Amino acid sequence: MDAPTSKRRNGREWALQMIVQADLNPFVDAEKILNHFWEQQWSFAQEAKGKEDNDLDEMERTLQPSERLATSAVREFAEAIVRGVLKNIDDLDALIATYCENWSLQRLGVIERCVLRLAFYEIRTLKTPAPVVINEAVDLAKYFSNAESGAFVNGVLDRFAKREARN
């Protein structure tokens, strides 16, 4: 995997996790979600290594948790997606609902719902090529949920991408 693809993939993984947190905490401000997410992830990373903040060198202590975990490019990409999705969530949800045949948005699992929000936003607003977004979204759904989620997400996004291509 080349560096730009890897950066975007990492950014999408971070973004999805933040969007899930926002979905589970709908009345929390987006900036609080972002800050809390990075702090929480940093704590998890340190705990997994068996370290504490006093084990960090001087330079590491001056960095924010987000700066310790991801490059600025990855962080900015992830946070831009999260802010965009959350700002446009009502429109995205209405659009997604039109492509989820026989499924209400609330009936979807949180991962599927959030993966679709991320993907619809990227295709519609960021103009990322649909095949790239679909591949990444399916992979994210499978990774964070299961194979059936990947198949469901693929079907919904395929219908959406075909209609977008005609418009």
N, C-alpha and C. Protein backbone atom coordinates (compact mmCIF):
# COMPACT_ATOMS: atom_id res chain seq x y z
N MET A 1 0.85 -1.18 0.00
CA MET A 1 0.00 0.00 0.00
C MET A 1 0.90 1.24 0.00
N ASP A 2 0.62 2.15 -0.90
CA ASP A 2 1.46 3.34 -0.96
C ASP A 2 1.08 4.32 0.14
N ALA A 3 1.96 5.29 0.36
CA ALA A 3 1.79 6.20 1.49
C ALA A 3 0.49 7.00 1.45
N PRO A 4 0.12 7.65 0.30
CA PRO A 4 -1.13 8.42 0.30
C PRO A 4 -2.35 7.54 0.59
N THR A 5 -2.39 6.34 0.02
CA THR A 5 -3.52 5.44 0.25
C THR A 5 -3.57 5.06 1.72
N SER A 6 -2.42 4.75 2.28
CA SER A 6 -2.35 4.36 3.67
C SER A 6 -2.81 5.50 4.58
N LYS A 7 -2.42 6.72 4.27
CA LYS A 7 -2.83 7.88 5.07
C LYS A 7 -4.35 8.05 5.02
N ARG A 8 -4.92 7.93 3.84
CA ARG A 8 -6.37 8.08 3.71
C ARG A 8 -7.09 6.94 4.39
N ARG A 9 -6.55 5.73 4.26
CA ARG A 9 -7.16 4.57 4.92
C ARG A 9 -7.15 4.77 6.44
N ASN A 10 -6.01 5.18 6.97
CA ASN A 10 -5.92 5.45 8.41
C ASN A 10 -6.88 6.56 8.82
N GLY A 11 -6.95 7.59 8.00
CA GLY A 11 -7.86 8.70 8.29
C GLY A 11 -9.31 8.25 8.31
N ARG A 12 -9.68 7.38 7.37
CA ARG A 12 -11.06 6.87 7.35
C ARG A 12 -11.34 6.01 8.58
N GLU A 13 -10.37 5.21 9.00
CA GLU A 13 -10.57 4.39 10.20
C GLU A 13 -10.79 5.27 11.42
N TRP A 14 -9.95 6.30 11.57
CA TRP A 14 -10.12 7.22 12.70
C TRP A 14 -11.47 7.93 12.59
N ALA A 15 -11.78 8.42 11.38
CA ALA A 15 -13.04 9.16 11.18
C ALA A 15 -14.24 8.30 11.53
N LEU A 16 -14.24 7.06 11.08
CA LEU A 16 -15.38 6.19 11.37
C LEU A 16 -15.56 6.03 12.88
N GLN A 17 -14.48 5.84 13.58
CA GLN A 17 -14.59 5.67 15.03
C GLN A 17 -15.15 6.93 15.71
N MET A 18 -14.75 8.09 15.20
CA MET A 18 -15.28 9.34 15.77
C MET A 18 -16.75 9.52 15.43
N ILE A 19 -17.13 9.14 14.21
CA ILE A 19 -18.53 9.26 13.80
C ILE A 19 -19.40 8.31 14.63
N VAL A 20 -18.88 7.14 14.93
CA VAL A 20 -19.61 6.21 15.79
C VAL A 20 -19.80 6.82 17.18
N GLN A 21 -18.74 7.43 17.72
CA GLN A 21 -18.88 8.08 19.03
C GLN A 21 -19.93 9.18 18.99
N ALA A 22 -19.95 9.94 17.90
CA ALA A 22 -20.95 11.00 17.77
C ALA A 22 -22.36 10.41 17.64
N ASP A 23 -22.48 9.29 16.95
CA ASP A 23 -23.77 8.63 16.81
C ASP A 23 -24.29 8.17 18.16
N LEU A 24 -23.40 7.67 18.98
CA LEU A 24 -23.78 7.16 20.30
C LEU A 24 -23.96 8.28 21.33
N ASN A 25 -23.47 9.48 21.01
CA ASN A 25 -23.55 10.64 21.90
C ASN A 25 -24.04 11.84 21.10
N PRO A 26 -25.27 11.80 20.59
CA PRO A 26 -25.73 12.82 19.63
C PRO A 26 -25.83 14.24 20.16
N PHE A 27 -25.83 14.42 21.46
CA PHE A 27 -25.98 15.77 21.99
C PHE A 27 -24.66 16.39 22.43
N VAL A 28 -23.55 15.73 22.07
CA VAL A 28 -22.23 16.24 22.41
C VAL A 28 -21.67 17.00 21.21
N ASP A 29 -21.09 18.15 21.47
CA ASP A 29 -20.49 19.00 20.44
C ASP A 29 -19.39 18.25 19.68
N ALA A 30 -19.30 18.49 18.37
CA ALA A 30 -18.33 17.80 17.52
C ALA A 30 -16.89 17.99 18.01
N GLU A 31 -16.54 19.19 18.44
CA GLU A 31 -15.17 19.43 18.89
C GLU A 31 -14.86 18.64 20.16
N LYS A 32 -15.84 18.50 21.02
CA LYS A 32 -15.64 17.69 22.23
C LYS A 32 -15.45 16.22 21.85
N ILE A 33 -16.20 15.76 20.87
CA ILE A 33 -16.05 14.38 20.40
C ILE A 33 -14.63 14.17 19.88
N LEU A 34 -14.15 15.10 19.06
CA LEU A 34 -12.80 14.97 18.49
C LEU A 34 -11.74 14.95 19.59
N ASN A 35 -11.81 15.92 20.48
CA ASN A 35 -10.80 15.99 21.55
C ASN A 35 -10.84 14.77 22.45
N HIS A 36 -12.03 14.38 22.85
CA HIS A 36 -12.16 13.21 23.72
C HIS A 36 -11.66 11.96 23.02
N PHE A 37 -11.96 11.84 21.75
CA PHE A 37 -11.54 10.66 20.99
C PHE A 37 -10.02 10.52 21.00
N TRP A 38 -9.31 11.59 20.66
CA TRP A 38 -7.84 11.52 20.60
C TRP A 38 -7.26 11.22 21.98
N GLU A 39 -7.80 11.85 23.02
CA GLU A 39 -7.31 11.59 24.38
C GLU A 39 -7.54 10.14 24.77
N GLN A 40 -8.71 9.63 24.45
CA GLN A 40 -9.05 8.25 24.76
C GLN A 40 -8.14 7.27 24.01
N GLN A 41 -7.91 7.52 22.74
CA GLN A 41 -7.06 6.64 21.95
C GLN A 41 -5.62 6.66 22.46
N TRP A 42 -5.17 7.85 22.88
CA TRP A 42 -3.82 7.95 23.43
C TRP A 42 -3.72 7.15 24.72
N SER A 43 -4.71 7.24 25.56
CA SER A 43 -4.72 6.47 26.80
C SER A 43 -4.67 4.97 26.52
N PHE A 44 -5.48 4.54 25.54
CA PHE A 44 -5.49 3.12 25.17
C PHE A 44 -4.12 2.67 24.66
N ALA A 45 -3.50 3.51 23.84
CA ALA A 45 -2.19 3.16 23.28
C ALA A 45 -1.14 3.06 24.38
N GLN A 46 -1.16 4.00 25.30
CA GLN A 46 -0.20 3.98 26.40
C GLN A 46 -0.44 2.78 27.32
N GLU A 47 -1.70 2.50 27.57
CA GLU A 47 -2.05 1.36 28.43
C GLU A 47 -1.58 0.05 27.79
N ALA A 48 -1.75 -0.05 26.48
CA ALA A 48 -1.32 -1.26 25.77
C ALA A 48 0.20 -1.43 25.84
N LYS A 49 0.92 -0.33 25.89
CA LYS A 49 2.39 -0.37 25.99
C LYS A 49 2.86 -0.46 27.44
N GLY A 50 1.93 -0.30 28.38
CA GLY A 50 2.31 -0.32 29.78
C GLY A 50 3.04 0.94 30.21
N LYS A 51 2.74 2.06 29.52
CA LYS A 51 3.40 3.33 29.83
C LYS A 51 2.44 4.31 30.47
N GLU A 52 3.00 5.33 31.08
CA GLU A 52 2.24 6.45 31.60
C GLU A 52 2.87 7.72 31.06
N ASP A 53 2.15 8.83 31.19
CA ASP A 53 2.68 10.09 30.65
C ASP A 53 4.05 10.45 31.22
N ASN A 54 4.34 10.06 32.45
CA ASN A 54 5.65 10.42 33.01
C ASN A 54 6.78 9.58 32.39
N ASP A 55 6.43 8.56 31.58
CA ASP A 55 7.44 7.78 30.86
C ASP A 55 7.82 8.42 29.52
N LEU A 56 7.12 9.48 29.13
CA LEU A 56 7.36 10.11 27.83
C LEU A 56 8.59 11.01 27.89
N ASP A 57 9.23 11.16 26.73
CA ASP A 57 10.35 12.09 26.69
C ASP A 57 9.78 13.52 26.61
N GLU A 58 10.67 14.50 26.75
CA GLU A 58 10.24 15.91 26.82
C GLU A 58 9.45 16.35 25.59
N MET A 59 9.89 15.95 24.40
CA MET A 59 9.20 16.37 23.19
C MET A 59 7.79 15.77 23.13
N GLU A 60 7.64 14.51 23.49
CA GLU A 60 6.33 13.86 23.46
C GLU A 60 5.35 14.54 24.40
N ARG A 61 5.84 15.03 25.53
CA ARG A 61 4.96 15.68 26.51
C ARG A 61 4.38 16.99 25.99
N THR A 62 5.06 17.63 25.06
CA THR A 62 4.58 18.91 24.54
C THR A 62 3.51 18.73 23.47
N LEU A 63 3.35 17.51 22.96
CA LEU A 63 2.38 17.25 21.90
C LEU A 63 1.00 16.93 22.46
N GLN A 64 -0.01 17.32 21.71
CA GLN A 64 -1.38 16.93 22.03
C GLN A 64 -1.54 15.44 21.72
N PRO A 65 -2.49 14.75 22.36
CA PRO A 65 -2.69 13.33 22.06
C PRO A 65 -2.88 13.05 20.57
N SER A 66 -3.62 13.91 19.88
CA SER A 66 -3.84 13.69 18.45
C SER A 66 -2.54 13.74 17.66
N GLU A 67 -1.61 14.61 18.08
CA GLU A 67 -0.32 14.74 17.40
C GLU A 67 0.58 13.55 17.67
N ARG A 68 0.36 12.88 18.79
CA ARG A 68 1.17 11.71 19.13
C ARG A 68 0.72 10.47 18.36
N LEU A 69 -0.54 10.45 17.94
CA LEU A 69 -1.13 9.26 17.33
C LEU A 69 -1.11 9.26 15.81
N ALA A 70 -1.25 10.41 15.21
CA ALA A 70 -1.40 10.47 13.75
C ALA A 70 -0.66 11.69 13.20
N THR A 71 -0.24 11.56 11.96
CA THR A 71 0.40 12.70 11.30
C THR A 71 -0.64 13.80 11.11
N SER A 72 -0.18 15.00 10.88
CA SER A 72 -1.12 16.10 10.69
C SER A 72 -2.01 15.86 9.47
N ALA A 73 -1.47 15.27 8.41
CA ALA A 73 -2.28 15.00 7.21
C ALA A 73 -3.40 14.01 7.50
N VAL A 74 -3.09 12.95 8.22
CA VAL A 74 -4.11 11.96 8.57
C VAL A 74 -5.15 12.57 9.49
N ARG A 75 -4.70 13.29 10.49
CA ARG A 75 -5.58 13.92 11.46
C ARG A 75 -6.51 14.92 10.77
N GLU A 76 -5.97 15.76 9.93
CA GLU A 76 -6.77 16.77 9.24
C GLU A 76 -7.79 16.12 8.32
N PHE A 77 -7.39 15.07 7.61
CA PHE A 77 -8.31 14.35 6.73
C PHE A 77 -9.45 13.75 7.54
N ALA A 78 -9.12 13.04 8.62
CA ALA A 78 -10.13 12.39 9.46
C ALA A 78 -11.08 13.43 10.06
N GLU A 79 -10.53 14.48 10.62
CA GLU A 79 -11.36 15.48 11.28
C GLU A 79 -12.23 16.24 10.29
N ALA A 80 -11.73 16.47 9.09
CA ALA A 80 -12.54 17.14 8.06
C ALA A 80 -13.75 16.28 7.70
N ILE A 81 -13.53 14.98 7.58
CA ILE A 81 -14.65 14.08 7.28
C ILE A 81 -15.66 14.11 8.42
N VAL A 82 -15.18 14.00 9.64
CA VAL A 82 -16.08 13.98 10.80
C VAL A 82 -16.89 15.27 10.86
N ARG A 83 -16.22 16.40 10.76
CA ARG A 83 -16.94 17.69 10.82
C ARG A 83 -17.96 17.79 9.69
N GLY A 84 -17.57 17.37 8.49
CA GLY A 84 -18.48 17.42 7.35
C GLY A 84 -19.69 16.51 7.53
N VAL A 85 -19.45 15.29 7.98
CA VAL A 85 -20.55 14.35 8.21
C VAL A 85 -21.50 14.91 9.27
N LEU A 86 -20.95 15.36 10.38
CA LEU A 86 -21.80 15.84 11.47
C LEU A 86 -22.56 17.11 11.10
N LYS A 87 -21.94 17.96 10.32
CA LYS A 87 -22.60 19.19 9.88
C LYS A 87 -23.77 18.88 8.93
N ASN A 88 -23.62 17.82 8.14
CA ASN A 88 -24.61 17.48 7.12
C ASN A 88 -25.40 16.21 7.45
N ILE A 89 -25.41 15.82 8.70
CA ILE A 89 -25.95 14.50 9.07
C ILE A 89 -27.42 14.33 8.69
N ASP A 90 -28.24 15.35 8.84
CA ASP A 90 -29.66 15.20 8.50
C ASP A 90 -29.85 14.96 7.01
N ASP A 91 -29.14 15.72 6.19
CA ASP A 91 -29.23 15.53 4.73
C ASP A 91 -28.67 14.17 4.32
N LEU A 92 -27.55 13.78 4.92
CA LEU A 92 -26.96 12.48 4.62
C LEU A 92 -27.91 11.35 5.00
N ASP A 93 -28.49 11.45 6.18
CA ASP A 93 -29.41 10.40 6.63
C ASP A 93 -30.63 10.29 5.72
N ALA A 94 -31.16 11.42 5.30
CA ALA A 94 -32.31 11.40 4.39
C ALA A 94 -31.93 10.75 3.06
N LEU A 95 -30.76 11.07 2.58
CA LEU A 95 -30.28 10.49 1.32
C LEU A 95 -30.04 8.99 1.47
N ILE A 96 -29.38 8.60 2.53
CA ILE A 96 -29.09 7.18 2.79
C ILE A 96 -30.40 6.40 2.88
N ALA A 97 -31.38 6.96 3.55
CA ALA A 97 -32.67 6.27 3.73
C ALA A 97 -33.32 5.92 2.39
N THR A 98 -33.10 6.74 1.38
CA THR A 98 -33.70 6.45 0.07
C THR A 98 -33.03 5.26 -0.62
N TYR A 99 -31.84 4.88 -0.19
CA TYR A 99 -31.12 3.77 -0.81
C TYR A 99 -31.14 2.50 0.04
N CYS A 100 -31.65 2.57 1.23
CA CYS A 100 -31.72 1.39 2.11
C CYS A 100 -33.11 0.76 1.97
N GLU A 101 -33.28 -0.01 0.93
CA GLU A 101 -34.57 -0.62 0.64
C GLU A 101 -35.01 -1.51 1.81
N ASN A 102 -36.22 -1.24 2.28
CA ASN A 102 -36.84 -2.01 3.37
C ASN A 102 -36.09 -1.92 4.70
N TRP A 103 -35.26 -0.93 4.86
CA TRP A 103 -34.53 -0.74 6.12
C TRP A 103 -34.64 0.72 6.52
N SER A 104 -35.12 0.97 7.73
CA SER A 104 -35.09 2.34 8.23
C SER A 104 -33.67 2.59 8.75
N LEU A 105 -33.29 3.83 8.78
CA LEU A 105 -31.95 4.18 9.24
C LEU A 105 -31.72 3.72 10.68
N GLN A 106 -32.74 3.80 11.50
CA GLN A 106 -32.60 3.40 12.91
C GLN A 106 -32.49 1.89 13.08
N ARG A 107 -32.91 1.15 12.07
CA ARG A 107 -32.82 -0.31 12.13
C ARG A 107 -31.41 -0.80 11.79
N LEU A 108 -30.64 0.05 11.14
CA LEU A 108 -29.28 -0.33 10.78
C LEU A 108 -28.41 -0.40 12.03
N GLY A 109 -27.39 -1.23 11.99
CA GLY A 109 -26.41 -1.24 13.06
C GLY A 109 -25.63 0.07 13.03
N VAL A 110 -25.09 0.45 14.15
CA VAL A 110 -24.38 1.72 14.24
C VAL A 110 -23.19 1.75 13.27
N ILE A 111 -22.49 0.65 13.10
CA ILE A 111 -21.34 0.64 12.19
C ILE A 111 -21.80 0.86 10.75
N GLU A 112 -22.81 0.11 10.32
CA GLU A 112 -23.30 0.26 8.96
C GLU A 112 -23.78 1.68 8.70
N ARG A 113 -24.55 2.22 9.64
CA ARG A 113 -25.07 3.59 9.50
C ARG A 113 -23.93 4.60 9.37
N CYS A 114 -22.92 4.45 10.21
CA CYS A 114 -21.82 5.42 10.20
C CYS A 114 -20.90 5.24 9.00
N VAL A 115 -20.69 4.01 8.58
CA VAL A 115 -19.89 3.77 7.37
C VAL A 115 -20.61 4.41 6.17
N LEU A 116 -21.91 4.23 6.09
CA LEU A 116 -22.67 4.83 4.98
C LEU A 116 -22.61 6.35 5.03
N ARG A 117 -22.71 6.93 6.21
CA ARG A 117 -22.60 8.39 6.32
C ARG A 117 -21.25 8.87 5.79
N LEU A 118 -20.20 8.21 6.22
CA LEU A 118 -18.85 8.57 5.79
C LEU A 118 -18.74 8.45 4.27
N ALA A 119 -19.20 7.33 3.73
CA ALA A 119 -19.06 7.07 2.29
C ALA A 119 -19.91 8.01 1.45
N PHE A 120 -21.16 8.22 1.84
CA PHE A 120 -22.01 9.15 1.08
C PHE A 120 -21.40 10.54 1.10
N TYR A 121 -20.88 10.96 2.23
CA TYR A 121 -20.25 12.28 2.33
C TYR A 121 -19.05 12.37 1.39
N GLU A 122 -18.22 11.33 1.41
CA GLU A 122 -17.02 11.37 0.56
C GLU A 122 -17.36 11.40 -0.92
N ILE A 123 -18.33 10.59 -1.32
CA ILE A 123 -18.70 10.56 -2.74
C ILE A 123 -19.37 11.85 -3.15
N ARG A 124 -20.34 12.28 -2.36
CA ARG A 124 -21.15 13.44 -2.74
C ARG A 124 -20.41 14.76 -2.57
N THR A 125 -19.73 14.95 -1.46
CA THR A 125 -19.14 16.25 -1.15
C THR A 125 -17.67 16.35 -1.52
N LEU A 126 -16.89 15.33 -1.17
CA LEU A 126 -15.45 15.39 -1.45
C LEU A 126 -15.12 14.94 -2.86
N LYS A 127 -16.11 14.36 -3.54
CA LYS A 127 -15.94 13.89 -4.93
C LYS A 127 -14.85 12.84 -5.07
N THR A 128 -14.64 12.05 -4.01
CA THR A 128 -13.71 10.93 -4.09
C THR A 128 -14.34 9.91 -5.03
N PRO A 129 -13.56 9.31 -5.93
CA PRO A 129 -14.14 8.34 -6.87
C PRO A 129 -14.89 7.23 -6.13
N ALA A 130 -16.10 6.95 -6.62
CA ALA A 130 -16.97 5.97 -5.97
C ALA A 130 -16.31 4.61 -5.79
N PRO A 131 -15.59 4.05 -6.78
CA PRO A 131 -14.99 2.73 -6.56
C PRO A 131 -14.02 2.71 -5.37
N VAL A 132 -13.29 3.80 -5.18
CA VAL A 132 -12.36 3.89 -4.05
C VAL A 132 -13.14 3.90 -2.74
N VAL A 133 -14.16 4.74 -2.68
CA VAL A 133 -14.95 4.87 -1.46
C VAL A 133 -15.67 3.55 -1.14
N ILE A 134 -16.25 2.92 -2.15
CA ILE A 134 -16.97 1.67 -1.92
C ILE A 134 -16.03 0.61 -1.39
N ASN A 135 -14.87 0.47 -2.00
CA ASN A 135 -13.89 -0.52 -1.53
C ASN A 135 -13.50 -0.27 -0.07
N GLU A 136 -13.20 0.97 0.25
CA GLU A 136 -12.81 1.32 1.62
C GLU A 136 -13.97 1.10 2.59
N ALA A 137 -15.18 1.51 2.19
CA ALA A 137 -16.34 1.37 3.07
C ALA A 137 -16.64 -0.10 3.36
N VAL A 138 -16.57 -0.93 2.34
CA VAL A 138 -16.80 -2.36 2.54
C VAL A 138 -15.76 -2.94 3.49
N ASP A 139 -14.50 -2.57 3.28
CA ASP A 139 -13.44 -3.04 4.17
C ASP A 139 -13.67 -2.58 5.61
N LEU A 140 -14.06 -1.33 5.79
CA LEU A 140 -14.33 -0.81 7.14
C LEU A 140 -15.50 -1.54 7.79
N ALA A 141 -16.56 -1.76 7.02
CA ALA A 141 -17.72 -2.47 7.56
C ALA A 141 -17.34 -3.89 7.98
N LYS A 142 -16.57 -4.56 7.16
CA LYS A 142 -16.14 -5.92 7.50
C LYS A 142 -15.24 -5.91 8.73
N TYR A 143 -14.31 -4.98 8.78
CA TYR A 143 -13.35 -4.92 9.87
C TYR A 143 -14.01 -4.59 11.21
N PHE A 144 -14.90 -3.59 11.20
CA PHE A 144 -15.50 -3.14 12.45
C PHE A 144 -16.81 -3.87 12.78
N SER A 145 -17.35 -4.63 11.82
CA SER A 145 -18.58 -5.37 12.09
C SER A 145 -18.42 -6.81 11.61
N ASN A 146 -18.91 -7.11 10.39
CA ASN A 146 -18.80 -8.49 9.89
C ASN A 146 -18.98 -8.52 8.37
N ALA A 147 -18.85 -9.70 7.78
CA ALA A 147 -18.93 -9.85 6.33
C ALA A 147 -20.30 -9.43 5.79
N GLU A 148 -21.36 -9.75 6.53
CA GLU A 148 -22.70 -9.35 6.07
C GLU A 148 -22.83 -7.83 6.01
N SER A 149 -22.20 -7.16 6.94
CA SER A 149 -22.22 -5.69 6.92
C SER A 149 -21.54 -5.17 5.67
N GLY A 150 -20.42 -5.80 5.32
CA GLY A 150 -19.71 -5.40 4.10
C GLY A 150 -20.58 -5.57 2.86
N ALA A 151 -21.30 -6.68 2.79
CA ALA A 151 -22.18 -6.94 1.65
C ALA A 151 -23.32 -5.92 1.59
N PHE A 152 -23.91 -5.62 2.75
CA PHE A 152 -24.99 -4.65 2.81
C PHE A 152 -24.51 -3.27 2.35
N VAL A 153 -23.40 -2.83 2.92
CA VAL A 153 -22.82 -1.53 2.57
C VAL A 153 -22.50 -1.48 1.08
N ASN A 154 -21.95 -2.56 0.54
CA ASN A 154 -21.63 -2.62 -0.88
C ASN A 154 -22.88 -2.42 -1.73
N GLY A 155 -23.97 -3.09 -1.38
CA GLY A 155 -25.20 -2.97 -2.15
C GLY A 155 -25.77 -1.56 -2.14
N VAL A 156 -25.81 -0.97 -0.97
CA VAL A 156 -26.35 0.39 -0.84
C VAL A 156 -25.48 1.38 -1.62
N LEU A 157 -24.18 1.29 -1.44
CA LEU A 157 -23.28 2.24 -2.12
C LEU A 157 -23.24 2.02 -3.62
N ASP A 158 -23.38 0.79 -4.06
CA ASP A 158 -23.41 0.52 -5.50
C ASP A 158 -24.62 1.19 -6.13
N ARG A 159 -25.80 1.07 -5.50
CA ARG A 159 -27.00 1.74 -6.02
C ARG A 159 -26.80 3.26 -6.05
N PHE A 160 -26.26 3.78 -4.97
CA PHE A 160 -26.03 5.23 -4.89
C PHE A 160 -25.04 5.70 -5.96
N ALA A 161 -23.94 4.99 -6.10
CA ALA A 161 -22.90 5.39 -7.07
C ALA A 161 -23.44 5.35 -8.50
N LYS A 162 -24.23 4.34 -8.83
CA LYS A 162 -24.79 4.25 -10.18
C LYS A 162 -25.73 5.42 -10.47
N ARG A 163 -26.53 5.79 -9.49
CA ARG A 163 -27.44 6.91 -9.70
C ARG A 163 -26.66 8.23 -9.76
N GLU A 164 -25.63 8.36 -8.93
CA GLU A 164 -24.81 9.59 -8.96
C GLU A 164 -24.11 9.74 -10.31
N ALA A 165 -23.66 8.61 -10.87
CA ALA A 165 -22.96 8.66 -12.17
C ALA A 165 -23.89 9.13 -13.28
N ARG A 166 -25.18 8.83 -13.16
CA ARG A 166 -26.16 9.25 -14.19
C ARG A 166 -26.50 10.72 -14.07
N ASN A 167 -26.32 11.30 -12.88
CA ASN A 167 -26.68 12.71 -12.66
C ASN A 167 -25.57 13.64 -13.01
